[in-house]
Structures are given as structure tokens and as C-alpha cells.
Amino acid sequence: MDGGMEAQYIRSHHTHEIRENQCTSALVKHIKAPVHLVWSLVRRFDQPQKYKPFVSRCIMKGDLGIGSVREVDVKSGLPATTSTERLELLNDEEHILGIKIVGGDHRLRNYSSIITVHPEIMDGRPGTMVIESFVVDVPDGNTKDETCYFVEALIRCNLKSLADVSERMDVQDQTEPINRY
């Protein structure tokens, strides 16, 4: 898919209101697996550890509806041990997931992200373009560039892992059930 479609999707779904002390960015990952399979992983707000390598455990508070909260334990090696995150948007028709961090022992204040999943054709086969955008406060003592670079590195790692897991599942012809709660 060309960059024009990426830009169109970003304009349509990834607009964040940005204050002066915040940074924002959008990252794109092309995955050689069909959209339904990738979405089956992304939409699982209750199981981010299925593809996010820094998550060791997730405990849900709520029914997986909008406004439900998850307590995420972070693996060692990052400057945090916990993160509390709220589900802001879940649209199974358009494949959009929105999350806001509402607590935790880290420096990501007023962090919110949107992930969209779009079908595309890659090498003549069904593939998926995933776009993840975010906005976050710049912590005292850091620059916008430093903050964006750090968050982008985490997202790149998550998206690479999402691609690896999705492509492996595609080869094994597996899909996560959407309605298993």
C-alpha cells in the first residue's frame, strides 16, 4: 500500500489534541498475515502479553467494555513495574483500539494511543497495515525528541512482536477467538 493510504488513515483515525508540553507520533508496520488474525490479537485488551514482550501479567477490572481498566505488570529492564490502563475505544468493524494510561509507577503521564488495523495485499497475499499513534507529556528533565524516541522504541518493539506472532499464527492457521471472555 502506498504512503497516500497511510497518510489518509492517519488523518482519519490518529488525530490527537496536543498541548505544548507533549509529543506525538505515528508508526506504521506491515504484517504478512490477514487482518482478521492481526486484529484478533490487537483487540484483546485483557491479554496484551500475547504480543507485547514487556508485559508479564495483566489483571482486568471490568467487563472488557469501554471504560474497563487493566493493571499491567511490566518485565524488568524498563523504568517501571506497573501500568494502569483504561480502554477508551474498541471498534470491531473499523478495527480501532484506543487506550489511555491512567496510573502506574512510570513517567508516561497523559499517555493515550490509538491502534488501527487495515487490510492490504502484500506479495499477492492478504496482509495487514497496523498504525499506532500516541500522545504523551514530556517529563521534566527530558526533551520532546527524547520522549518521542523512547516511546517510539517501545512501540516498534511491540509492533515487531505483533508481526512475529501474527505471521507465526498465520503459518499455523490459528486465530484468537474474538468472543471468548
C-alpha atoms as a PDB file:
ATOM      1  CA  MET A   1       0.000   0.000   0.000  1.00  0.00           C
ATOM      2  CA  ASP A   2       1.291   3.441  -0.788  1.00  0.00           C
ATOM      3  CA  GLY A   3       2.128   6.233   1.598  1.00  0.00           C
ATOM      4  CA  GLY A   4      -1.007   8.087   0.491  1.00  0.00           C
ATOM      5  CA  MET A   5      -3.229   5.492   2.151  1.00  0.00           C
ATOM      6  CA  GLU A   6      -1.087   5.610   5.303  1.00  0.00           C
ATOM      7  CA  ALA A   7      -1.470   9.388   5.441  1.00  0.00           C
ATOM      8  CA  GLN A   8      -5.231   9.107   4.834  1.00  0.00           C
ATOM      9  CA  TYR A   9      -5.664   6.569   7.668  1.00  0.00           C
ATOM     10  CA  ILE A  10      -3.549   8.701  10.000  1.00  0.00           C
ATOM     11  CA  ARG A  11      -5.640  11.796   9.217  1.00  0.00           C
ATOM     12  CA  SER A  12      -8.879   9.823   9.686  1.00  0.00           C
ATOM     13  CA  HIS A  13      -8.105   7.926  12.895  1.00  0.00           C
ATOM     14  CA  HIS A  14      -4.931   9.229  14.518  1.00  0.00           C
ATOM     15  CA  THR A  15      -5.532  12.852  15.381  1.00  0.00           C
ATOM     16  CA  HIS A  16      -4.634  13.746  18.949  1.00  0.00           C
ATOM     17  CA  GLU A  17      -5.149  17.032  20.730  1.00  0.00           C
ATOM     18  CA  ILE A  18      -1.621  18.093  21.640  1.00  0.00           C
ATOM     19  CA  ARG A  19      -0.687  20.517  24.379  1.00  0.00           C
ATOM     20  CA  GLU A  20       2.562  22.467  24.464  1.00  0.00           C
ATOM     21  CA  ASN A  21       4.408  20.074  26.799  1.00  0.00           C
ATOM     22  CA  GLN A  22       3.507  16.945  24.817  1.00  0.00           C
ATOM     23  CA  CYS A  23       4.905  14.930  21.953  1.00  0.00           C
ATOM     24  CA  THR A  24       3.106  12.758  19.430  1.00  0.00           C
ATOM     25  CA  SER A  25       3.979  10.376  16.650  1.00  0.00           C
ATOM     26  CA  ALA A  26       2.516   7.621  14.473  1.00  0.00           C
ATOM     27  CA  LEU A  27       4.284   4.410  13.482  1.00  0.00           C
ATOM     28  CA  VAL A  28       3.356   2.003  10.700  1.00  0.00           C
ATOM     29  CA  LYS A  29       4.065  -1.738  10.484  1.00  0.00           C
ATOM     30  CA  HIS A  30       3.250  -4.008   7.529  1.00  0.00           C
ATOM     31  CA  ILE A  31       2.496  -7.577   8.569  1.00  0.00           C
ATOM     32  CA  LYS A  32       2.343 -10.628   6.309  1.00  0.00           C
ATOM     33  CA  ALA A  33      -0.825 -12.022   7.901  1.00  0.00           C
ATOM     34  CA  PRO A  34      -4.526 -11.345   7.225  1.00  0.00           C
ATOM     35  CA  VAL A  35      -6.272  -8.506   9.018  1.00  0.00           C
ATOM     36  CA  HIS A  36      -8.703 -10.728  10.969  1.00  0.00           C
ATOM     37  CA  LEU A  37      -5.798 -12.604  12.539  1.00  0.00           C
ATOM     38  CA  VAL A  38      -3.839  -9.455  13.494  1.00  0.00           C
ATOM     39  CA  TRP A  39      -6.998  -7.819  14.874  1.00  0.00           C
ATOM     40  CA  SER A  40      -7.735 -10.926  16.959  1.00  0.00           C
ATOM     41  CA  LEU A  41      -4.529 -10.166  18.904  1.00  0.00           C
ATOM     42  CA  VAL A  42      -4.707  -6.351  18.993  1.00  0.00           C
ATOM     43  CA  ARG A  43      -8.297  -6.219  20.264  1.00  0.00           C
ATOM     44  CA  ARG A  44      -7.566  -8.411  23.311  1.00  0.00           C
ATOM     45  CA  PHE A  45      -7.340  -5.593  25.846  1.00  0.00           C
ATOM     46  CA  ASP A  46      -7.327  -8.297  28.535  1.00  0.00           C
ATOM     47  CA  GLN A  47      -4.274 -10.121  27.110  1.00  0.00           C
ATOM     48  CA  PRO A  48      -1.638  -7.646  25.888  1.00  0.00           C
ATOM     49  CA  GLN A  49       1.067 -10.158  26.836  1.00  0.00           C
ATOM     50  CA  LYS A  50       0.036 -12.229  23.789  1.00  0.00           C
ATOM     51  CA  TYR A  51       2.250  -9.943  21.709  1.00  0.00           C
ATOM     52  CA  LYS A  52       3.713  -7.203  23.924  1.00  0.00           C
ATOM     53  CA  PRO A  53       7.081  -8.528  25.094  1.00  0.00           C
ATOM     54  CA  PHE A  54       7.434  -6.149  28.059  1.00  0.00           C
ATOM     55  CA  VAL A  55       4.146  -7.251  29.678  1.00  0.00           C
ATOM     56  CA  SER A  56       4.480 -10.104  32.154  1.00  0.00           C
ATOM     57  CA  ARG A  57       0.919 -10.120  33.529  1.00  0.00           C
ATOM     58  CA  CYS A  58      -2.430  -8.383  33.080  1.00  0.00           C
ATOM     59  CA  ILE A  59      -5.301  -8.266  35.571  1.00  0.00           C
ATOM     60  CA  MET A  60      -8.651  -6.948  34.338  1.00  0.00           C
ATOM     61  CA  LYS A  61     -11.019  -4.753  36.306  1.00  0.00           C
ATOM     62  CA  GLY A  62     -14.297  -4.606  34.425  1.00  0.00           C
ATOM     63  CA  ASP A  63     -16.107  -6.436  31.684  1.00  0.00           C
ATOM     64  CA  LEU A  64     -13.915  -5.593  28.663  1.00  0.00           C
ATOM     65  CA  GLY A  65     -16.284  -2.789  27.725  1.00  0.00           C
ATOM     66  CA  ILE A  66     -15.318   0.823  27.151  1.00  0.00           C
ATOM     67  CA  GLY A  67     -14.017   2.256  30.414  1.00  0.00           C
ATOM     68  CA  SER A  68     -12.748  -1.062  31.766  1.00  0.00           C
ATOM     69  CA  VAL A  69      -9.294  -0.959  33.343  1.00  0.00           C
ATOM     70  CA  ARG A  70      -6.326  -3.309  33.253  1.00  0.00           C
ATOM     71  CA  GLU A  71      -3.400  -3.497  35.658  1.00  0.00           C
ATOM     72  CA  VAL A  72      -0.293  -4.456  33.690  1.00  0.00           C
ATOM     73  CA  ASP A  73       2.917  -5.767  35.254  1.00  0.00           C
ATOM     74  CA  VAL A  74       5.999  -4.762  33.291  1.00  0.00           C
ATOM     75  CA  LYS A  75       9.021  -7.038  32.919  1.00  0.00           C
ATOM     76  CA  SER A  76      12.289  -5.905  34.422  1.00  0.00           C
ATOM     77  CA  GLY A  77      14.602  -3.834  32.275  1.00  0.00           C
ATOM     78  CA  LEU A  78      12.204  -0.929  31.824  1.00  0.00           C
ATOM     79  CA  PRO A  79      11.909   2.082  34.134  1.00  0.00           C
ATOM     80  CA  ALA A  80       8.564   0.842  35.509  1.00  0.00           C
ATOM     81  CA  THR A  81       6.956  -2.164  37.173  1.00  0.00           C
ATOM     82  CA  THR A  82       3.234  -1.411  36.726  1.00  0.00           C
ATOM     83  CA  SER A  83       0.893   0.463  34.422  1.00  0.00           C
ATOM     84  CA  THR A  84      -2.839   1.083  34.826  1.00  0.00           C
ATOM     85  CA  GLU A  85      -4.623   1.439  31.502  1.00  0.00           C
ATOM     86  CA  ARG A  86      -8.222   2.201  30.508  1.00  0.00           C
ATOM     87  CA  LEU A  87      -9.990   1.017  27.354  1.00  0.00           C
ATOM     88  CA  GLU A  88     -11.193   4.159  25.580  1.00  0.00           C
ATOM     89  CA  LEU A  89     -12.292   2.792  22.192  1.00  0.00           C
ATOM     90  CA  LEU A  90     -12.912  -0.653  20.709  1.00  0.00           C
ATOM     91  CA  ASN A  91     -14.424  -0.779  17.228  1.00  0.00           C
ATOM     92  CA  ASP A  92     -14.514  -4.267  15.721  1.00  0.00           C
ATOM     93  CA  GLU A  93     -15.961  -3.054  12.416  1.00  0.00           C
ATOM     94  CA  GLU A  94     -13.253  -0.490  11.674  1.00  0.00           C
ATOM     95  CA  HIS A  95     -10.529  -2.259  13.720  1.00  0.00           C
ATOM     96  CA  ILE A  96      -9.706   0.621  16.082  1.00  0.00           C
ATOM     97  CA  LEU A  97      -8.419   0.297  19.653  1.00  0.00           C
ATOM     98  CA  GLY A  98      -7.877   3.296  21.930  1.00  0.00           C
ATOM     99  CA  ILE A  99      -6.098   3.132  25.291  1.00  0.00           C
ATOM    100  CA  LYS A 100      -5.261   5.717  27.945  1.00  0.00           C
ATOM    101  CA  ILE A 101      -2.734   5.216  30.734  1.00  0.00           C
ATOM    102  CA  VAL A 102      -4.338   6.354  33.987  1.00  0.00           C
ATOM    103  CA  GLY A 103      -1.675   5.316  36.517  1.00  0.00           C
ATOM    104  CA  GLY A 104       1.449   3.331  37.290  1.00  0.00           C
ATOM    105  CA  ASP A 105       4.993   3.818  38.519  1.00  0.00           C
ATOM    106  CA  HIS A 106       6.398   5.287  35.306  1.00  0.00           C
ATOM    107  CA  ARG A 107       6.848   8.681  33.691  1.00  0.00           C
ATOM    108  CA  LEU A 108       4.277   8.320  30.885  1.00  0.00           C
ATOM    109  CA  ARG A 109       1.753  10.928  32.039  1.00  0.00           C
ATOM    110  CA  ASN A 110      -1.354  11.715  29.983  1.00  0.00           C
ATOM    111  CA  TYR A 111      -0.424   8.947  27.552  1.00  0.00           C
ATOM    112  CA  SER A 112      -3.039   7.813  25.092  1.00  0.00           C
ATOM    113  CA  SER A 113      -2.708   5.696  21.998  1.00  0.00           C
ATOM    114  CA  ILE A 114      -4.775   4.605  19.049  1.00  0.00           C
ATOM    115  CA  ILE A 115      -4.089   1.438  17.065  1.00  0.00           C
ATOM    116  CA  THR A 116      -5.782   0.815  13.729  1.00  0.00           C
ATOM    117  CA  VAL A 117      -5.550  -2.327  11.629  1.00  0.00           C
ATOM    118  CA  HIS A 118      -6.067  -2.168   7.843  1.00  0.00           C
ATOM    119  CA  PRO A 119      -6.173  -4.893   5.175  1.00  0.00           C
ATOM    120  CA  GLU A 120      -3.663  -4.716   2.352  1.00  0.00           C
ATOM    121  CA  ILE A 121      -2.169  -7.011  -0.259  1.00  0.00           C
ATOM    122  CA  MET A 122       1.489  -7.958   0.234  1.00  0.00           C
ATOM    123  CA  ASP A 123       3.249 -10.022  -2.413  1.00  0.00           C
ATOM    124  CA  GLY A 124      -0.143 -11.071  -3.787  1.00  0.00           C
ATOM    125  CA  ARG A 125      -1.377 -12.335  -0.403  1.00  0.00           C
ATOM    126  CA  PRO A 126      -3.606 -10.861   2.313  1.00  0.00           C
ATOM    127  CA  GLY A 127      -1.579  -8.668   4.633  1.00  0.00           C
ATOM    128  CA  THR A 128      -2.184  -6.037   7.269  1.00  0.00           C
ATOM    129  CA  MET A 129      -1.017  -2.488   7.867  1.00  0.00           C
ATOM    130  CA  VAL A 130      -1.010  -1.554  11.553  1.00  0.00           C
ATOM    131  CA  ILE A 131      -0.753   2.097  12.588  1.00  0.00           C
ATOM    132  CA  GLU A 132      -0.145   3.065  16.200  1.00  0.00           C
ATOM    133  CA  SER A 133      -0.128   6.689  17.268  1.00  0.00           C
ATOM    134  CA  PHE A 134       0.306   8.268  20.674  1.00  0.00           C
ATOM    135  CA  VAL A 135       0.428  11.493  22.610  1.00  0.00           C
ATOM    136  CA  VAL A 136       2.216  11.868  25.956  1.00  0.00           C
ATOM    137  CA  ASP A 137       3.503  14.550  28.306  1.00  0.00           C
ATOM    138  CA  VAL A 138       7.206  15.342  28.101  1.00  0.00           C
ATOM    139  CA  PRO A 139       8.592  14.623  31.594  1.00  0.00           C
ATOM    140  CA  ASP A 140      10.607  17.275  33.431  1.00  0.00           C
ATOM    141  CA  GLY A 141      14.265  16.941  32.502  1.00  0.00           C
ATOM    142  CA  ASN A 142      13.546  15.429  29.069  1.00  0.00           C
ATOM    143  CA  THR A 143      13.106  16.927  25.617  1.00  0.00           C
ATOM    144  CA  LYS A 144      10.276  16.207  23.177  1.00  0.00           C
ATOM    145  CA  ASP A 145      12.746  14.332  20.966  1.00  0.00           C
ATOM    146  CA  GLU A 146      13.966  12.141  23.848  1.00  0.00           C
ATOM    147  CA  THR A 147      10.427  11.339  24.938  1.00  0.00           C
ATOM    148  CA  CYS A 148       9.212  10.516  21.424  1.00  0.00           C
ATOM    149  CA  TYR A 149      12.305   8.409  20.754  1.00  0.00           C
ATOM    150  CA  PHE A 150      11.724   6.346  23.924  1.00  0.00           C
ATOM    151  CA  VAL A 151       8.010   5.742  23.274  1.00  0.00           C
ATOM    152  CA  GLU A 152       8.608   5.026  19.576  1.00  0.00           C
ATOM    153  CA  ALA A 153      11.234   2.412  20.523  1.00  0.00           C
ATOM    154  CA  LEU A 154       8.707   0.645  22.789  1.00  0.00           C
ATOM    155  CA  ILE A 155       6.011   0.737  20.112  1.00  0.00           C
ATOM    156  CA  ARG A 156       8.428  -0.510  17.423  1.00  0.00           C
ATOM    157  CA  CYS A 157       9.287  -3.455  19.653  1.00  0.00           C
ATOM    158  CA  ASN A 158       5.584  -4.197  20.274  1.00  0.00           C
ATOM    159  CA  LEU A 159       4.768  -3.944  16.559  1.00  0.00           C
ATOM    160  CA  LYS A 160       7.666  -6.197  15.594  1.00  0.00           C
ATOM    161  CA  SER A 161       6.472  -8.744  18.137  1.00  0.00           C
ATOM    162  CA  LEU A 162       2.881  -8.389  16.832  1.00  0.00           C
ATOM    163  CA  ALA A 163       4.181  -9.126  13.327  1.00  0.00           C
ATOM    164  CA  ASP A 164       6.205 -12.140  14.514  1.00  0.00           C
ATOM    165  CA  VAL A 165       3.286 -13.631  16.489  1.00  0.00           C
ATOM    166  CA  SER A 166       0.729 -12.920  13.725  1.00  0.00           C
ATOM    167  CA  GLU A 167       2.896 -14.356  10.962  1.00  0.00           C
ATOM    168  CA  ARG A 168       3.636 -17.462  13.033  1.00  0.00           C
ATOM    169  CA  MET A 169      -0.089 -17.931  13.759  1.00  0.00           C
ATOM    170  CA  ASP A 170      -0.879 -17.466  10.051  1.00  0.00           C
ATOM    171  CA  VAL A 171       1.562 -20.218   9.109  1.00  0.00           C
ATOM    172  CA  GLN A 172      -0.047 -22.446  11.768  1.00  0.00           C
ATOM    173  CA  ASP A 173      -3.543 -21.307  10.663  1.00  0.00           C
ATOM    174  CA  GLN A 174      -4.571 -20.107  14.146  1.00  0.00           C
ATOM    175  CA  THR A 175      -6.819 -17.231  15.124  1.00  0.00           C
ATOM    176  CA  GLU A 176      -7.663 -15.973  18.600  1.00  0.00           C
ATOM    177  CA  PRO A 177     -11.427 -16.262  19.255  1.00  0.00           C
ATOM    178  CA  ILE A 178     -12.955 -12.795  19.438  1.00  0.00           C
ATOM    179  CA  ASN A 179     -15.875 -13.611  21.748  1.00  0.00           C
ATOM    180  CA  ARG A 180     -14.101 -15.601  24.460  1.00  0.00           C
ATOM    181  CA  TYR A 181     -14.435 -13.564  27.659  1.00  0.00           C
END
